[in-house]
């Protein structure tokens, strides 16, 4: 992306914007349930999960036990309130894209309702690939709601399909086999509910491409 597409209306330090906890949901129940269903279908039990851009909820299924869930976010009150996290770290992903984790240490990485706020998403996605195990999966999701002053121009200026194409291109650029899984759950499929957009990609190919 050119510099102009990385800009935001509010370029102040993100820690200022997120210093007050927001213990609210950023989409309606049906939309969030569809995200939980995706997590359940793609992340088996007893795996290590990294939730980036985490808050007071991680949207993981309550009936699945994971080996460990680590959260990274900007507000400690929110992270401390998240009952699914075994550990958490306060970190600004726009100031530091290198994650403080060893290579090949997670089976799954979640980026829920976060990609639109990243000024250098390709750098973070590349480092996510570093911390994923060989068969690991990254799941990137968003809906139509966002904090517009903090979202990058590249996201705000695109329509639904343009945003899907943008995120897919970012994943391909970072070296993922993005066609292993691809999901687009649009408003036309769930009348009255918030649309959910989600792309999942494997660190390495697992026997061919599947379009969902």
N, C-alpha and C. Protein backbone atom coordinates (compact mmCIF):
# COMPACT_ATOMS: atom_id res chain seq x y z
N UNK A 1 0.84 -1.19 0.00
CA UNK A 1 0.00 0.00 0.00
C UNK A 1 0.87 1.24 0.00
N UNK A 2 0.49 2.27 -0.76
CA UNK A 2 1.23 3.53 -0.70
C UNK A 2 0.96 4.24 0.63
N UNK A 3 1.83 5.19 1.01
CA UNK A 3 1.63 5.91 2.28
C UNK A 3 0.25 6.54 2.43
N UNK A 4 -0.31 7.02 1.32
CA UNK A 4 -1.62 7.68 1.40
C UNK A 4 -2.72 6.73 1.88
N UNK A 5 -2.58 5.43 1.61
CA UNK A 5 -3.61 4.47 2.01
C UNK A 5 -3.43 4.01 3.46
N UNK A 6 -2.29 4.33 4.04
CA UNK A 6 -2.04 3.95 5.43
C UNK A 6 -2.49 5.03 6.41
N UNK A 7 -2.86 6.18 5.90
CA UNK A 7 -3.20 7.31 6.77
C UNK A 7 -4.54 7.10 7.45
N UNK A 8 -4.68 7.80 8.59
CA UNK A 8 -5.92 7.79 9.36
C UNK A 8 -6.28 9.22 9.73
N UNK A 9 -7.56 9.46 9.95
CA UNK A 9 -7.98 10.81 10.34
C UNK A 9 -7.36 11.21 11.67
N UNK A 10 -7.24 10.26 12.56
CA UNK A 10 -6.64 10.51 13.88
C UNK A 10 -5.29 9.79 13.94
N UNK A 11 -4.23 10.54 13.79
CA UNK A 11 -2.88 9.95 13.78
C UNK A 11 -2.22 10.04 15.15
N UNK A 12 -2.98 10.38 16.18
CA UNK A 12 -2.41 10.43 17.53
C UNK A 12 -2.08 9.01 18.00
N UNK A 13 -1.28 8.92 19.05
CA UNK A 13 -0.87 7.63 19.59
C UNK A 13 -2.10 6.79 19.92
N UNK A 14 -2.10 5.53 19.47
CA UNK A 14 -3.26 4.67 19.68
C UNK A 14 -3.54 4.40 21.16
N UNK A 15 -2.52 4.43 21.97
CA UNK A 15 -2.72 4.19 23.40
C UNK A 15 -3.61 5.25 24.04
N UNK A 16 -3.64 6.44 23.47
CA UNK A 16 -4.52 7.50 23.97
C UNK A 16 -5.98 7.17 23.66
N UNK A 17 -6.22 6.76 22.42
CA UNK A 17 -7.59 6.44 22.00
C UNK A 17 -8.16 5.27 22.78
N UNK A 18 -7.31 4.29 23.09
CA UNK A 18 -7.77 3.07 23.73
C UNK A 18 -7.52 3.05 25.24
N UNK A 19 -7.21 4.19 25.83
CA UNK A 19 -6.90 4.18 27.25
C UNK A 19 -8.11 3.90 28.14
N UNK A 20 -9.31 4.21 27.64
CA UNK A 20 -10.54 3.90 28.39
C UNK A 20 -11.11 2.57 27.90
N UNK A 21 -11.45 1.65 28.81
CA UNK A 21 -11.99 0.36 28.38
C UNK A 21 -13.35 0.51 27.72
N UNK A 22 -13.58 -0.31 26.70
CA UNK A 22 -14.87 -0.36 26.02
C UNK A 22 -15.39 -1.79 26.13
N UNK A 23 -16.16 -2.05 27.17
CA UNK A 23 -16.68 -3.39 27.41
C UNK A 23 -18.00 -3.56 26.67
N UNK A 24 -17.92 -3.46 25.35
CA UNK A 24 -19.10 -3.55 24.49
C UNK A 24 -18.80 -4.52 23.35
N UNK A 25 -19.87 -4.99 22.70
CA UNK A 25 -19.71 -5.83 21.51
C UNK A 25 -19.66 -4.94 20.28
N UNK A 26 -18.86 -5.34 19.30
CA UNK A 26 -18.69 -4.53 18.09
C UNK A 26 -19.49 -5.07 16.91
N UNK A 27 -20.35 -6.03 17.17
CA UNK A 27 -21.27 -6.56 16.15
C UNK A 27 -22.41 -7.24 16.89
N UNK A 28 -23.48 -7.58 16.16
CA UNK A 28 -24.62 -8.18 16.83
C UNK A 28 -24.38 -9.67 17.11
N UNK A 29 -25.29 -10.27 17.88
CA UNK A 29 -25.11 -11.64 18.37
C UNK A 29 -24.95 -12.63 17.22
N UNK A 30 -25.78 -12.53 16.18
CA UNK A 30 -25.72 -13.49 15.09
C UNK A 30 -24.39 -13.42 14.36
N UNK A 31 -23.91 -12.21 14.15
CA UNK A 31 -22.62 -12.03 13.48
C UNK A 31 -21.50 -12.66 14.30
N UNK A 32 -21.49 -12.39 15.59
CA UNK A 32 -20.44 -12.93 16.46
C UNK A 32 -20.54 -14.44 16.58
N UNK A 33 -21.76 -14.98 16.55
CA UNK A 33 -21.91 -16.43 16.61
C UNK A 33 -21.34 -17.08 15.35
N UNK A 34 -21.49 -16.44 14.20
CA UNK A 34 -20.91 -16.98 12.98
C UNK A 34 -19.38 -17.00 13.07
N UNK A 35 -18.80 -15.97 13.70
CA UNK A 35 -17.36 -15.96 13.89
C UNK A 35 -16.93 -17.10 14.82
N UNK A 36 -17.67 -17.30 15.90
CA UNK A 36 -17.38 -18.41 16.81
C UNK A 36 -17.46 -19.74 16.09
N UNK A 37 -18.44 -19.90 15.21
CA UNK A 37 -18.58 -21.14 14.44
C UNK A 37 -17.37 -21.38 13.53
N UNK A 38 -16.85 -20.29 12.95
CA UNK A 38 -15.65 -20.42 12.12
C UNK A 38 -14.47 -20.88 12.96
N UNK A 39 -14.29 -20.27 14.12
CA UNK A 39 -13.21 -20.68 15.01
C UNK A 39 -13.34 -22.16 15.37
N UNK A 40 -14.55 -22.58 15.68
CA UNK A 40 -14.76 -23.97 16.09
C UNK A 40 -14.44 -24.93 14.95
N UNK A 41 -14.72 -24.53 13.73
CA UNK A 41 -14.49 -25.41 12.58
C UNK A 41 -13.01 -25.48 12.18
N UNK A 42 -12.25 -24.45 12.51
CA UNK A 42 -10.87 -24.38 12.03
C UNK A 42 -9.81 -24.62 13.10
N UNK A 43 -10.19 -24.50 14.39
CA UNK A 43 -9.19 -24.65 15.46
C UNK A 43 -9.60 -25.81 16.36
N UNK A 44 -8.90 -26.94 16.26
CA UNK A 44 -9.22 -28.08 17.13
C UNK A 44 -8.89 -27.77 18.59
N UNK A 45 -9.41 -28.60 19.46
CA UNK A 45 -9.11 -28.46 20.89
C UNK A 45 -7.63 -28.73 21.15
N UNK A 46 -7.18 -28.27 22.32
CA UNK A 46 -5.81 -28.52 22.79
C UNK A 46 -4.75 -27.85 21.91
N UNK A 47 -5.10 -26.77 21.26
CA UNK A 47 -4.13 -26.02 20.46
C UNK A 47 -3.77 -24.72 21.18
N UNK A 48 -2.64 -24.15 20.80
CA UNK A 48 -2.23 -22.85 21.35
C UNK A 48 -2.73 -21.75 20.41
N UNK A 49 -3.43 -20.78 20.99
CA UNK A 49 -4.10 -19.73 20.22
C UNK A 49 -3.58 -18.37 20.65
N UNK A 50 -3.30 -17.52 19.66
CA UNK A 50 -2.88 -16.14 19.90
C UNK A 50 -3.96 -15.21 19.37
N UNK A 51 -4.53 -14.40 20.25
CA UNK A 51 -5.60 -13.47 19.89
C UNK A 51 -5.02 -12.06 19.84
N UNK A 52 -4.79 -11.56 18.63
CA UNK A 52 -4.20 -10.23 18.44
C UNK A 52 -5.29 -9.18 18.29
N UNK A 53 -5.08 -8.01 18.90
CA UNK A 53 -6.13 -7.00 18.92
C UNK A 53 -7.24 -7.43 19.84
N UNK A 54 -6.89 -8.19 20.86
CA UNK A 54 -7.87 -8.77 21.77
C UNK A 54 -8.49 -7.70 22.67
N UNK A 55 -9.63 -8.06 23.24
CA UNK A 55 -10.32 -7.15 24.15
C UNK A 55 -10.90 -7.98 25.29
N UNK A 56 -12.10 -7.66 25.73
CA UNK A 56 -12.69 -8.37 26.87
C UNK A 56 -13.38 -9.67 26.45
N UNK A 57 -13.49 -9.90 25.14
CA UNK A 57 -14.01 -11.17 24.61
C UNK A 57 -13.13 -11.62 23.45
N UNK A 58 -13.03 -12.94 23.27
CA UNK A 58 -12.24 -13.49 22.16
C UNK A 58 -13.09 -14.23 21.15
N UNK A 59 -14.38 -14.43 21.45
CA UNK A 59 -15.33 -15.07 20.53
C UNK A 59 -15.01 -16.54 20.25
N UNK A 60 -14.16 -17.16 21.07
CA UNK A 60 -13.89 -18.57 20.94
C UNK A 60 -15.04 -19.38 21.53
N UNK A 61 -15.28 -20.58 21.02
CA UNK A 61 -16.40 -21.39 21.54
C UNK A 61 -16.16 -21.80 22.99
N UNK A 62 -17.18 -21.66 23.81
CA UNK A 62 -17.06 -21.98 25.24
C UNK A 62 -16.89 -23.47 25.50
N UNK A 63 -17.33 -24.31 24.56
CA UNK A 63 -17.29 -25.75 24.79
C UNK A 63 -16.03 -26.42 24.24
N UNK A 64 -15.03 -25.63 23.86
CA UNK A 64 -13.77 -26.17 23.37
C UNK A 64 -12.65 -25.71 24.29
N UNK A 65 -11.84 -26.67 24.76
CA UNK A 65 -10.71 -26.35 25.62
C UNK A 65 -9.43 -26.27 24.79
N UNK A 66 -8.70 -25.18 24.94
CA UNK A 66 -7.45 -25.00 24.23
C UNK A 66 -6.28 -25.14 25.20
N UNK A 67 -5.13 -25.53 24.66
CA UNK A 67 -3.95 -25.68 25.51
C UNK A 67 -3.58 -24.36 26.16
N UNK A 68 -3.68 -23.27 25.39
CA UNK A 68 -3.37 -21.93 25.90
C UNK A 68 -3.96 -20.90 24.97
N UNK A 69 -4.47 -19.83 25.54
CA UNK A 69 -4.93 -18.68 24.75
C UNK A 69 -4.21 -17.45 25.29
N UNK A 70 -3.47 -16.80 24.40
CA UNK A 70 -2.71 -15.61 24.76
C UNK A 70 -3.32 -14.41 24.04
N UNK A 71 -3.60 -13.34 24.76
CA UNK A 71 -4.19 -12.15 24.18
C UNK A 71 -3.21 -11.00 24.12
N UNK A 72 -3.28 -10.24 23.04
CA UNK A 72 -2.49 -9.02 22.88
C UNK A 72 -3.44 -7.90 22.52
N UNK A 73 -3.45 -6.84 23.32
CA UNK A 73 -4.34 -5.71 23.07
C UNK A 73 -3.79 -4.43 23.63
N UNK A 74 -4.61 -3.40 23.61
CA UNK A 74 -4.16 -2.07 24.03
C UNK A 74 -4.72 -1.61 25.36
N UNK A 75 -5.71 -2.33 25.89
CA UNK A 75 -6.31 -1.89 27.14
C UNK A 75 -6.26 -3.01 28.17
N UNK A 76 -5.54 -2.78 29.26
CA UNK A 76 -5.35 -3.85 30.24
C UNK A 76 -6.64 -4.23 30.95
N UNK A 77 -7.53 -3.28 31.20
CA UNK A 77 -8.81 -3.61 31.85
C UNK A 77 -9.60 -4.59 30.99
N UNK A 78 -9.64 -4.34 29.69
CA UNK A 78 -10.35 -5.24 28.79
C UNK A 78 -9.71 -6.62 28.80
N UNK A 79 -8.40 -6.68 28.69
CA UNK A 79 -7.70 -7.96 28.64
C UNK A 79 -7.87 -8.73 29.94
N UNK A 80 -7.81 -8.03 31.06
CA UNK A 80 -7.97 -8.68 32.35
C UNK A 80 -9.38 -9.23 32.53
N UNK A 81 -10.35 -8.64 31.84
CA UNK A 81 -11.75 -9.08 31.94
C UNK A 81 -12.06 -10.26 31.02
N UNK A 82 -11.13 -10.62 30.16
CA UNK A 82 -11.37 -11.69 29.18
C UNK A 82 -11.10 -13.05 29.81
N UNK A 83 -12.16 -13.81 30.09
CA UNK A 83 -12.03 -15.08 30.81
C UNK A 83 -11.38 -16.17 29.98
N UNK A 84 -11.27 -15.99 28.65
CA UNK A 84 -10.65 -17.02 27.81
C UNK A 84 -9.14 -16.91 27.76
N UNK A 85 -8.58 -15.81 28.25
CA UNK A 85 -7.13 -15.62 28.15
C UNK A 85 -6.41 -16.25 29.33
N UNK A 86 -5.40 -17.04 29.01
CA UNK A 86 -4.51 -17.58 30.05
C UNK A 86 -3.39 -16.60 30.36
N UNK A 87 -3.00 -15.84 29.36
CA UNK A 87 -2.00 -14.79 29.51
C UNK A 87 -2.39 -13.62 28.62
N UNK A 88 -1.90 -12.44 28.95
CA UNK A 88 -2.14 -11.30 28.06
C UNK A 88 -0.96 -10.35 28.10
N UNK A 89 -0.88 -9.54 27.05
CA UNK A 89 0.20 -8.58 26.89
C UNK A 89 -0.37 -7.30 26.31
N UNK A 90 -0.05 -6.17 26.92
CA UNK A 90 -0.45 -4.87 26.38
C UNK A 90 0.61 -4.43 25.38
N UNK A 91 0.21 -4.28 24.12
CA UNK A 91 1.16 -3.97 23.05
C UNK A 91 0.45 -3.25 21.92
N UNK A 92 1.06 -2.17 21.42
CA UNK A 92 0.53 -1.42 20.29
C UNK A 92 1.08 -2.04 19.00
N UNK A 93 0.22 -2.70 18.24
CA UNK A 93 0.64 -3.39 17.03
C UNK A 93 0.98 -2.44 15.89
N UNK A 94 0.67 -1.16 16.04
CA UNK A 94 1.09 -0.19 15.04
C UNK A 94 2.48 0.36 15.32
N UNK A 95 2.93 0.28 16.59
CA UNK A 95 4.29 0.73 16.88
C UNK A 95 5.30 -0.39 16.86
N UNK A 96 4.82 -1.64 17.01
CA UNK A 96 5.73 -2.78 17.02
C UNK A 96 5.07 -3.97 16.35
N UNK A 97 5.55 -4.29 15.15
CA UNK A 97 4.97 -5.41 14.40
C UNK A 97 5.69 -6.73 14.68
N UNK A 98 6.87 -6.67 15.35
CA UNK A 98 7.57 -7.91 15.70
C UNK A 98 7.02 -8.40 17.03
N UNK A 99 6.40 -9.58 16.99
CA UNK A 99 5.75 -10.12 18.18
C UNK A 99 6.77 -10.77 19.11
N UNK A 100 6.61 -10.60 20.43
CA UNK A 100 7.57 -11.13 21.40
C UNK A 100 7.34 -12.61 21.71
N UNK A 101 7.22 -13.42 20.66
CA UNK A 101 6.99 -14.84 20.82
C UNK A 101 7.97 -15.62 19.95
N UNK A 102 8.28 -16.84 20.37
CA UNK A 102 9.21 -17.67 19.62
C UNK A 102 8.57 -18.13 18.31
N UNK A 103 9.42 -18.46 17.34
CA UNK A 103 8.95 -18.98 16.06
C UNK A 103 8.22 -20.30 16.26
N UNK A 104 7.18 -20.50 15.46
CA UNK A 104 6.41 -21.74 15.43
C UNK A 104 5.88 -22.13 16.82
N UNK A 105 5.30 -21.15 17.49
CA UNK A 105 4.82 -21.40 18.86
C UNK A 105 3.29 -21.43 18.98
N UNK A 106 2.55 -21.10 17.92
CA UNK A 106 1.09 -21.09 17.98
C UNK A 106 0.49 -21.89 16.84
N UNK A 107 -0.65 -22.51 17.13
CA UNK A 107 -1.38 -23.26 16.11
C UNK A 107 -2.36 -22.38 15.35
N UNK A 108 -2.83 -21.31 15.99
CA UNK A 108 -3.81 -20.42 15.36
C UNK A 108 -3.60 -19.00 15.87
N UNK A 109 -3.78 -18.05 14.96
CA UNK A 109 -3.72 -16.63 15.33
C UNK A 109 -5.00 -15.97 14.85
N UNK A 110 -5.63 -15.21 15.74
CA UNK A 110 -6.89 -14.52 15.44
C UNK A 110 -6.63 -13.03 15.28
N UNK A 111 -7.24 -12.45 14.25
CA UNK A 111 -7.26 -10.99 14.06
C UNK A 111 -8.71 -10.60 13.83
N UNK A 112 -9.45 -10.43 14.91
CA UNK A 112 -10.88 -10.13 14.81
C UNK A 112 -11.12 -8.63 14.97
N UNK A 113 -11.75 -8.02 13.97
CA UNK A 113 -12.13 -6.61 14.02
C UNK A 113 -10.91 -5.71 14.29
N UNK A 114 -9.78 -6.06 13.69
CA UNK A 114 -8.52 -5.37 13.96
C UNK A 114 -7.80 -4.95 12.69
N UNK A 115 -7.93 -5.70 11.61
CA UNK A 115 -7.13 -5.47 10.41
C UNK A 115 -7.29 -4.05 9.87
N UNK A 116 -8.49 -3.45 10.05
CA UNK A 116 -8.74 -2.12 9.49
C UNK A 116 -7.97 -1.01 10.20
N UNK A 117 -7.41 -1.32 11.37
CA UNK A 117 -6.70 -0.30 12.15
C UNK A 117 -5.18 -0.40 12.01
N UNK A 118 -4.70 -1.39 11.29
CA UNK A 118 -3.25 -1.62 11.19
C UNK A 118 -2.65 -0.78 10.08
N UNK A 119 -1.66 0.03 10.43
CA UNK A 119 -1.02 0.89 9.43
C UNK A 119 0.03 0.15 8.61
N UNK A 120 0.55 -0.95 9.13
CA UNK A 120 1.51 -1.78 8.39
C UNK A 120 1.08 -3.25 8.52
N UNK A 121 -0.08 -3.58 7.98
CA UNK A 121 -0.61 -4.94 8.16
C UNK A 121 0.28 -6.02 7.55
N UNK A 122 0.97 -5.70 6.45
CA UNK A 122 1.81 -6.72 5.81
C UNK A 122 2.98 -7.13 6.70
N UNK A 123 3.51 -6.20 7.48
CA UNK A 123 4.60 -6.53 8.39
C UNK A 123 4.11 -7.42 9.53
N UNK A 124 2.93 -7.09 10.08
CA UNK A 124 2.39 -7.91 11.16
C UNK A 124 2.01 -9.29 10.65
N UNK A 125 1.39 -9.39 9.47
CA UNK A 125 1.02 -10.68 8.93
C UNK A 125 2.24 -11.55 8.67
N UNK A 126 3.34 -10.94 8.25
CA UNK A 126 4.58 -11.69 8.03
C UNK A 126 5.11 -12.24 9.36
N UNK A 127 5.02 -11.45 10.42
CA UNK A 127 5.53 -11.94 11.70
C UNK A 127 4.57 -12.95 12.32
N UNK A 128 3.27 -12.81 12.05
CA UNK A 128 2.32 -13.84 12.47
C UNK A 128 2.72 -15.18 11.84
N UNK A 129 3.09 -15.15 10.58
CA UNK A 129 3.52 -16.37 9.90
C UNK A 129 4.74 -16.98 10.58
N UNK A 130 5.62 -16.13 11.09
CA UNK A 130 6.80 -16.62 11.80
C UNK A 130 6.42 -17.39 13.06
N UNK A 131 5.44 -16.89 13.82
CA UNK A 131 5.09 -17.52 15.10
C UNK A 131 4.12 -18.68 14.93
N UNK A 132 3.57 -18.87 13.72
CA UNK A 132 2.68 -20.00 13.48
C UNK A 132 3.48 -21.28 13.24
N UNK A 133 2.92 -22.40 13.70
CA UNK A 133 3.48 -23.70 13.37
C UNK A 133 3.24 -23.98 11.88
N UNK A 134 3.91 -25.01 11.37
CA UNK A 134 3.87 -25.28 9.93
C UNK A 134 2.45 -25.46 9.40
N UNK A 135 1.57 -26.07 10.18
CA UNK A 135 0.19 -26.27 9.73
C UNK A 135 -0.76 -25.26 10.36
N UNK A 136 -0.19 -24.16 10.89
CA UNK A 136 -0.99 -23.17 11.59
C UNK A 136 -1.88 -22.34 10.67
N UNK A 137 -2.91 -21.73 11.26
CA UNK A 137 -3.88 -20.96 10.51
C UNK A 137 -4.03 -19.57 11.13
N UNK A 138 -4.14 -18.56 10.28
CA UNK A 138 -4.50 -17.22 10.73
C UNK A 138 -5.91 -16.93 10.22
N UNK A 139 -6.74 -16.35 11.08
CA UNK A 139 -8.13 -16.04 10.72
C UNK A 139 -8.34 -14.55 10.91
N UNK A 140 -8.61 -13.85 9.81
CA UNK A 140 -8.80 -12.40 9.81
C UNK A 140 -10.27 -12.12 9.56
N UNK A 141 -10.91 -11.34 10.44
CA UNK A 141 -12.34 -11.08 10.30
C UNK A 141 -12.65 -9.62 10.60
N UNK A 142 -13.75 -9.17 10.02
CA UNK A 142 -14.21 -7.81 10.27
C UNK A 142 -15.68 -7.71 9.90
N UNK A 143 -16.31 -6.62 10.28
CA UNK A 143 -17.67 -6.35 9.88
C UNK A 143 -17.73 -4.91 9.37
N UNK A 144 -18.93 -4.38 9.19
CA UNK A 144 -19.03 -3.04 8.61
C UNK A 144 -18.76 -1.94 9.64
N UNK A 145 -18.77 -2.30 10.92
CA UNK A 145 -18.58 -1.30 11.97
C UNK A 145 -17.09 -1.10 12.25
N UNK A 146 -16.71 0.14 12.54
CA UNK A 146 -15.33 0.42 12.94
C UNK A 146 -15.30 1.82 13.56
N UNK A 147 -14.15 2.13 14.15
CA UNK A 147 -13.91 3.50 14.58
C UNK A 147 -13.30 4.23 13.39
N UNK A 148 -14.08 5.01 12.66
CA UNK A 148 -13.59 5.55 11.38
C UNK A 148 -12.38 6.45 11.48
N UNK A 149 -12.21 7.15 12.60
CA UNK A 149 -11.05 8.03 12.71
C UNK A 149 -9.75 7.26 12.88
N UNK A 150 -9.85 5.97 13.26
CA UNK A 150 -8.66 5.15 13.47
C UNK A 150 -8.45 4.12 12.35
N UNK A 151 -9.41 3.96 11.46
CA UNK A 151 -9.28 3.01 10.35
C UNK A 151 -8.43 3.63 9.25
N UNK A 152 -7.64 2.79 8.57
CA UNK A 152 -6.78 3.30 7.51
C UNK A 152 -7.62 3.64 6.27
N UNK A 153 -7.11 4.56 5.48
CA UNK A 153 -7.81 5.00 4.27
C UNK A 153 -8.05 3.83 3.31
N UNK A 154 -7.10 2.92 3.20
CA UNK A 154 -7.24 1.77 2.30
C UNK A 154 -8.49 0.97 2.61
N UNK A 155 -8.88 0.89 3.87
CA UNK A 155 -10.06 0.16 4.26
C UNK A 155 -11.32 0.98 4.05
N UNK A 156 -11.28 2.24 4.45
CA UNK A 156 -12.47 3.08 4.37
C UNK A 156 -12.89 3.35 2.93
N UNK A 157 -11.92 3.45 2.02
CA UNK A 157 -12.22 3.82 0.64
C UNK A 157 -12.66 2.65 -0.24
N UNK A 158 -12.68 1.44 0.29
CA UNK A 158 -13.06 0.28 -0.51
C UNK A 158 -14.46 -0.21 -0.13
N UNK A 159 -15.13 -0.86 -1.09
CA UNK A 159 -16.42 -1.48 -0.80
C UNK A 159 -16.19 -2.89 -0.24
N UNK A 160 -17.26 -3.66 -0.07
CA UNK A 160 -17.16 -4.99 0.54
C UNK A 160 -16.17 -5.88 -0.18
N UNK A 161 -16.33 -6.01 -1.50
CA UNK A 161 -15.45 -6.88 -2.26
C UNK A 161 -14.02 -6.34 -2.31
N UNK A 162 -13.90 -5.02 -2.33
CA UNK A 162 -12.57 -4.41 -2.35
C UNK A 162 -11.80 -4.70 -1.08
N UNK A 163 -12.50 -4.72 0.06
CA UNK A 163 -11.83 -5.02 1.32
C UNK A 163 -11.40 -6.48 1.38
N UNK A 164 -12.26 -7.39 0.89
CA UNK A 164 -11.88 -8.79 0.82
C UNK A 164 -10.64 -8.97 -0.06
N UNK A 165 -10.62 -8.30 -1.19
CA UNK A 165 -9.47 -8.41 -2.10
C UNK A 165 -8.22 -7.84 -1.45
N UNK A 166 -8.36 -6.72 -0.74
CA UNK A 166 -7.22 -6.11 -0.06
C UNK A 166 -6.61 -7.07 0.95
N UNK A 167 -7.44 -7.65 1.82
CA UNK A 167 -6.93 -8.55 2.86
C UNK A 167 -6.34 -9.80 2.23
N UNK A 168 -6.98 -10.32 1.19
CA UNK A 168 -6.44 -11.50 0.52
C UNK A 168 -5.07 -11.19 -0.07
N UNK A 169 -4.92 -10.04 -0.70
CA UNK A 169 -3.63 -9.66 -1.27
C UNK A 169 -2.56 -9.50 -0.19
N UNK A 170 -2.94 -8.96 0.95
CA UNK A 170 -1.99 -8.81 2.06
C UNK A 170 -1.51 -10.18 2.54
N UNK A 171 -2.43 -11.14 2.62
CA UNK A 171 -2.05 -12.48 3.04
C UNK A 171 -1.14 -13.16 2.03
N UNK A 172 -1.46 -13.02 0.76
CA UNK A 172 -0.62 -13.60 -0.29
C UNK A 172 0.77 -12.96 -0.26
N UNK A 173 0.82 -11.64 -0.09
CA UNK A 173 2.09 -10.92 -0.03
C UNK A 173 2.94 -11.41 1.14
N UNK A 174 2.28 -11.79 2.25
CA UNK A 174 3.00 -12.26 3.43
C UNK A 174 3.39 -13.72 3.33
N UNK A 175 3.00 -14.40 2.26
CA UNK A 175 3.47 -15.75 2.02
C UNK A 175 2.52 -16.87 2.40
N UNK A 176 1.27 -16.57 2.69
CA UNK A 176 0.32 -17.60 3.09
C UNK A 176 -0.30 -18.31 1.89
N UNK A 177 -0.76 -19.51 2.12
CA UNK A 177 -1.59 -20.22 1.15
C UNK A 177 -3.04 -19.81 1.42
N UNK A 178 -3.40 -18.65 0.95
CA UNK A 178 -4.67 -18.05 1.33
C UNK A 178 -5.87 -18.79 0.77
N UNK A 179 -5.68 -19.57 -0.28
CA UNK A 179 -6.82 -20.24 -0.89
C UNK A 179 -7.19 -21.55 -0.20
N UNK A 180 -6.47 -21.93 0.85
CA UNK A 180 -6.89 -23.12 1.59
C UNK A 180 -8.29 -22.91 2.17
N UNK A 181 -8.51 -21.74 2.72
CA UNK A 181 -9.84 -21.40 3.24
C UNK A 181 -10.14 -19.96 2.87
N UNK A 182 -11.35 -19.71 2.44
CA UNK A 182 -11.77 -18.33 2.20
C UNK A 182 -13.26 -18.26 2.48
N UNK A 183 -13.66 -17.33 3.33
CA UNK A 183 -15.07 -17.19 3.66
C UNK A 183 -15.49 -15.73 3.50
N UNK A 184 -16.63 -15.54 2.90
CA UNK A 184 -17.24 -14.21 2.84
C UNK A 184 -18.72 -14.36 3.18
N UNK A 185 -19.10 -13.89 4.34
CA UNK A 185 -20.48 -14.03 4.79
C UNK A 185 -21.09 -12.63 4.76
N UNK A 186 -21.86 -12.37 3.74
CA UNK A 186 -22.32 -11.02 3.46
C UNK A 186 -23.73 -10.77 3.99
N UNK A 187 -24.12 -9.52 4.00
CA UNK A 187 -25.41 -9.11 4.56
C UNK A 187 -26.58 -9.77 3.84
N UNK A 188 -26.42 -10.04 2.55
CA UNK A 188 -27.53 -10.62 1.79
C UNK A 188 -27.87 -12.03 2.27
N UNK A 189 -26.92 -12.68 2.94
CA UNK A 189 -27.16 -14.04 3.42
C UNK A 189 -27.83 -14.07 4.79
N UNK A 190 -27.74 -12.98 5.52
CA UNK A 190 -28.29 -12.94 6.87
C UNK A 190 -29.04 -11.61 7.04
N UNK A 191 -30.25 -11.58 6.57
CA UNK A 191 -31.03 -10.34 6.59
C UNK A 191 -31.21 -9.83 8.01
N UNK A 192 -30.91 -8.56 8.19
CA UNK A 192 -31.11 -7.93 9.49
C UNK A 192 -29.93 -8.06 10.42
N UNK A 193 -28.93 -8.88 10.08
CA UNK A 193 -27.77 -9.06 10.93
C UNK A 193 -26.57 -8.34 10.33
N UNK A 194 -25.60 -8.02 11.20
CA UNK A 194 -24.36 -7.43 10.69
C UNK A 194 -23.66 -8.42 9.78
N UNK A 195 -23.09 -7.96 8.68
CA UNK A 195 -22.33 -8.87 7.82
C UNK A 195 -21.01 -9.25 8.48
N UNK A 196 -20.57 -10.46 8.23
CA UNK A 196 -19.27 -10.90 8.71
C UNK A 196 -18.39 -11.23 7.51
N UNK A 197 -17.19 -10.72 7.52
CA UNK A 197 -16.21 -11.02 6.49
C UNK A 197 -15.05 -11.72 7.16
N UNK A 198 -14.64 -12.86 6.62
CA UNK A 198 -13.54 -13.59 7.25
C UNK A 198 -12.71 -14.29 6.19
N UNK A 199 -11.41 -14.19 6.33
CA UNK A 199 -10.48 -14.93 5.50
C UNK A 199 -9.58 -15.74 6.41
N UNK A 200 -9.42 -17.00 6.11
CA UNK A 200 -8.46 -17.81 6.85
C UNK A 200 -7.41 -18.31 5.88
N UNK A 201 -6.18 -18.43 6.38
CA UNK A 201 -5.08 -18.84 5.52
C UNK A 201 -4.10 -19.68 6.31
N UNK A 202 -3.54 -20.67 5.65
CA UNK A 202 -2.56 -21.55 6.27
C UNK A 202 -1.14 -21.04 6.01
N UNK A 203 -0.30 -21.34 6.97
CA UNK A 203 1.11 -21.00 6.78
C UNK A 203 1.68 -21.75 5.58
N UNK A 204 1.33 -23.00 5.45
CA UNK A 204 1.76 -23.81 4.31
C UNK A 204 0.56 -24.57 3.76
N UNK A 205 0.64 -24.92 2.48
CA UNK A 205 -0.45 -25.64 1.83
C UNK A 205 -0.63 -27.02 2.46
N UNK A 206 -1.88 -27.47 2.54
CA UNK A 206 -2.19 -28.77 3.14
C UNK A 206 -2.91 -29.66 2.14
N UNK A 207 -2.42 -29.72 0.93
CA UNK A 207 -2.99 -30.66 -0.03
C UNK A 207 -3.97 -30.05 -1.01
N UNK A 208 -3.80 -28.80 -1.34
CA UNK A 208 -4.63 -28.21 -2.37
C UNK A 208 -5.58 -27.14 -1.85
N UNK A 209 -6.14 -26.39 -2.76
CA UNK A 209 -6.96 -25.25 -2.41
C UNK A 209 -8.43 -25.68 -2.25
N UNK A 210 -9.06 -25.08 -1.28
CA UNK A 210 -10.48 -25.29 -1.03
C UNK A 210 -11.14 -23.94 -0.96
N UNK A 211 -12.20 -23.74 -1.71
CA UNK A 211 -12.96 -22.49 -1.64
C UNK A 211 -14.23 -22.74 -0.86
N UNK A 212 -14.45 -21.96 0.19
CA UNK A 212 -15.65 -22.10 1.03
C UNK A 212 -16.54 -20.89 0.81
